[in-house]
Amino acid sequence: MLPQSTLTEAESLLAACRADGVMLATAESCTGGLIAAALTAIAGSSDVVDRGFVTYSNDAKHQMIGVPMALIETHGAVSEPVAHAMAQGALAQSRAQIAVAVTGVAGPGGGSAEKPVGLVCFGLARSGRPVTTEKHVFPGDRTAIRAATVAHAFKMIRAAL
């Protein structure tokens, strides 16, 4: 179940997208589709949300949205270059004007000194603009990290409008 604050923000974000005539796509790894789930929990969201790609595995990133395997092998799945390619690929494989992508280490295991638990890389692609990327390390357990990731993805989409 998503917190009411997330649903309220999703509703507000959908209204802003409607006002701008923008459709959205998501490419999600560490969130497993939570961004799209939050958006589509709002009735009538189909006029804004075009599609969501849950690309949890490296093969899915490659096969569904065209992330080059060489990029994953060179930088790792949790990296800004991969988040960039995920956003770009989601935009290319959709009718959306904005695509947000997330890839990270939600924990509790899987972290390293270089890529600690809580590290999330974001990509945002908007038609006709350069792709932007960010990385953040969020505190807390798996649930908190994933919730913070959804909230930050919403913030990035809103900033792109």
Protein backbone atom coordinates (compact mmCIF):
# COMPACT_ATOMS: atom_id res chain seq x y z
CA MET A 1 0.00 0.00 0.00
CA LEU A 2 1.34 3.40 -0.94
CA PRO A 3 1.31 6.23 1.63
CA GLN A 4 -1.34 8.90 1.16
CA SER A 5 1.36 11.55 0.70
CA THR A 6 2.73 9.64 -2.31
CA LEU A 7 -0.73 9.32 -3.82
CA THR A 8 -1.42 13.02 -3.24
CA GLU A 9 1.85 13.93 -4.98
CA ALA A 10 1.07 11.51 -7.82
CA GLU A 11 -2.32 13.14 -8.33
CA SER A 12 -0.75 16.61 -8.38
CA LEU A 13 1.97 15.48 -10.80
CA LEU A 14 -0.58 13.92 -13.15
CA ALA A 15 -2.55 17.20 -13.17
CA ALA A 16 0.63 19.14 -14.00
CA CYS A 17 1.44 16.73 -16.84
CA ARG A 18 -2.11 17.05 -18.19
CA ALA A 19 -1.83 20.85 -18.11
CA ASP A 20 1.38 20.62 -20.15
CA GLY A 21 0.02 17.93 -22.49
CA VAL A 22 2.83 15.57 -21.46
CA MET A 23 2.78 11.78 -21.31
CA LEU A 24 5.13 9.79 -19.06
CA ALA A 25 7.07 6.54 -19.24
CA THR A 26 9.09 4.87 -16.50
CA ALA A 27 12.05 2.49 -16.56
CA GLU A 28 12.48 0.98 -13.11
CA SER A 29 14.93 -1.40 -11.59
CA CYS A 30 15.28 -0.99 -7.80
CA THR A 31 11.68 0.19 -7.40
CA GLY A 32 10.21 -2.72 -9.33
CA GLY A 33 7.45 -0.58 -10.81
CA LEU A 34 6.52 1.51 -7.76
CA ILE A 35 6.73 4.80 -9.67
CA ALA A 36 4.27 3.58 -12.28
CA ALA A 37 2.14 1.96 -9.57
CA ALA A 38 1.85 5.24 -7.67
CA LEU A 39 0.88 7.13 -10.81
CA THR A 40 -1.61 4.53 -12.01
CA ALA A 41 -3.21 4.25 -8.55
CA ILE A 42 -4.95 7.48 -9.53
CA ALA A 43 -8.12 6.96 -11.58
CA GLY A 44 -7.86 8.44 -15.07
CA SER A 45 -4.07 8.33 -15.17
CA SER A 46 -4.07 6.57 -18.56
CA ASP A 47 -4.17 9.92 -20.34
CA VAL A 48 -0.73 10.72 -18.85
CA VAL A 49 1.01 7.40 -18.16
CA ASP A 50 1.92 5.74 -21.44
CA ARG A 51 3.87 2.76 -20.09
CA GLY A 52 6.27 1.47 -17.49
CA PHE A 53 9.20 -0.85 -17.98
CA VAL A 54 10.28 -2.97 -15.02
CA THR A 55 13.84 -3.76 -16.02
CA TYR A 56 15.10 -5.48 -12.90
CA SER A 57 17.66 -7.68 -14.64
CA ASN A 58 20.49 -6.60 -16.91
CA ASP A 59 18.95 -8.65 -19.74
CA ALA A 60 15.65 -6.79 -19.31
CA LYS A 61 17.45 -3.44 -19.47
CA HIS A 62 19.08 -4.55 -22.70
CA GLN A 63 16.16 -6.34 -24.36
CA MET A 64 13.29 -4.01 -23.40
CA ILE A 65 14.85 -0.56 -23.64
CA GLY A 66 18.09 -1.09 -25.50
CA VAL A 67 20.69 -0.46 -22.80
CA PRO A 68 23.96 -1.71 -24.33
CA MET A 69 25.37 -4.69 -22.42
CA ALA A 70 28.84 -3.15 -22.83
CA LEU A 71 27.64 -0.11 -20.87
CA ILE A 72 26.39 -2.33 -18.04
CA GLU A 73 29.61 -4.36 -18.06
CA THR A 74 31.77 -1.23 -18.00
CA HIS A 75 29.90 0.86 -15.42
CA GLY A 76 27.64 -1.63 -13.64
CA ALA A 77 23.86 -1.64 -13.62
CA VAL A 78 23.81 0.92 -10.81
CA SER A 79 25.45 3.86 -12.53
CA GLU A 80 24.56 7.20 -14.05
CA PRO A 81 25.48 6.04 -17.58
CA VAL A 82 23.03 3.13 -17.28
CA ALA A 83 20.32 5.38 -15.81
CA HIS A 84 20.90 7.76 -18.76
CA ALA A 85 20.52 4.90 -21.26
CA MET A 86 17.45 3.57 -19.46
CA ALA A 87 15.69 6.95 -19.63
CA GLN A 88 16.66 7.40 -23.27
CA GLY A 89 15.49 3.89 -24.12
CA ALA A 90 12.17 4.26 -22.31
CA LEU A 91 11.51 7.51 -24.17
CA ALA A 92 12.38 5.89 -27.51
CA GLN A 93 10.15 2.86 -26.84
CA SER A 94 7.10 4.89 -25.86
CA ARG A 95 4.79 7.70 -26.92
CA ALA A 96 5.86 9.72 -23.87
CA GLN A 97 7.53 13.11 -23.87
CA ILE A 98 9.19 12.47 -20.48
CA ALA A 99 10.75 9.26 -19.22
CA VAL A 100 12.24 8.73 -15.78
CA ALA A 101 14.59 5.86 -14.97
CA VAL A 102 15.90 4.50 -11.67
CA THR A 103 18.53 1.90 -10.86
CA GLY A 104 19.98 1.35 -7.42
CA VAL A 105 20.88 -0.75 -4.42
CA ALA A 106 17.78 -0.94 -2.23
CA GLY A 107 19.29 -3.46 0.21
CA PRO A 108 19.51 -4.86 2.69
CA GLY A 109 22.38 -6.65 0.90
CA GLY A 110 24.16 -6.03 -2.36
CA GLY A 111 26.00 -2.89 -1.37
CA SER A 112 29.73 -2.24 -1.56
CA ALA A 113 32.12 0.54 -0.55
CA GLU A 114 31.80 2.00 -4.05
CA LYS A 115 28.04 1.42 -4.34
CA PRO A 116 26.51 1.38 -0.86
CA VAL A 117 23.01 0.31 0.06
CA GLY A 118 20.79 3.32 -0.62
CA LEU A 119 22.63 4.46 -3.76
CA VAL A 120 20.15 5.24 -6.53
CA CYS A 121 20.98 6.60 -9.98
CA PHE A 122 18.28 8.54 -11.82
CA GLY A 123 17.88 9.42 -15.48
CA LEU A 124 15.36 11.80 -16.96
CA ALA A 125 14.75 12.15 -20.69
CA ARG A 126 12.51 14.81 -22.20
CA SER A 127 11.86 15.04 -25.93
CA GLY A 128 14.11 17.62 -27.53
CA ARG A 129 16.31 18.10 -24.46
CA PRO A 130 19.50 16.49 -23.17
CA VAL A 131 19.09 13.57 -20.77
CA THR A 132 19.94 14.48 -17.18
CA THR A 133 21.21 12.15 -14.49
CA GLU A 134 21.60 12.33 -10.73
CA LYS A 135 22.70 10.00 -7.98
CA HIS A 136 21.69 10.01 -4.35
CA VAL A 137 22.30 7.83 -1.32
CA PHE A 138 19.08 7.48 0.67
CA PRO A 139 19.05 6.33 4.30
CA GLY A 140 16.93 3.64 5.84
CA ASP A 141 15.74 0.16 5.05
CA ARG A 142 14.63 -1.21 1.69
CA THR A 143 11.12 0.24 2.02
CA ALA A 144 12.43 3.70 2.94
CA ILE A 145 14.97 3.72 0.10
CA ARG A 146 12.36 2.72 -2.46
CA ALA A 147 9.86 5.32 -1.14
CA ALA A 148 12.54 8.04 -1.29
CA THR A 149 13.33 6.97 -4.84
CA VAL A 150 9.69 7.36 -5.92
CA ALA A 151 9.50 10.79 -4.27
CA HIS A 152 12.70 11.97 -5.97
CA ALA A 153 11.58 10.65 -9.36
CA PHE A 154 8.37 12.68 -8.99
CA LYS A 155 10.48 15.74 -8.13
CA MET A 156 12.59 15.28 -11.24
CA ILE A 157 9.53 14.90 -13.49
CA ARG A 158 7.97 18.03 -12.00
CA ALA A 159 11.21 19.98 -12.60
CA ALA A 160 11.20 18.87 -16.25
CA LEU A 161 7.71 20.28 -16.88
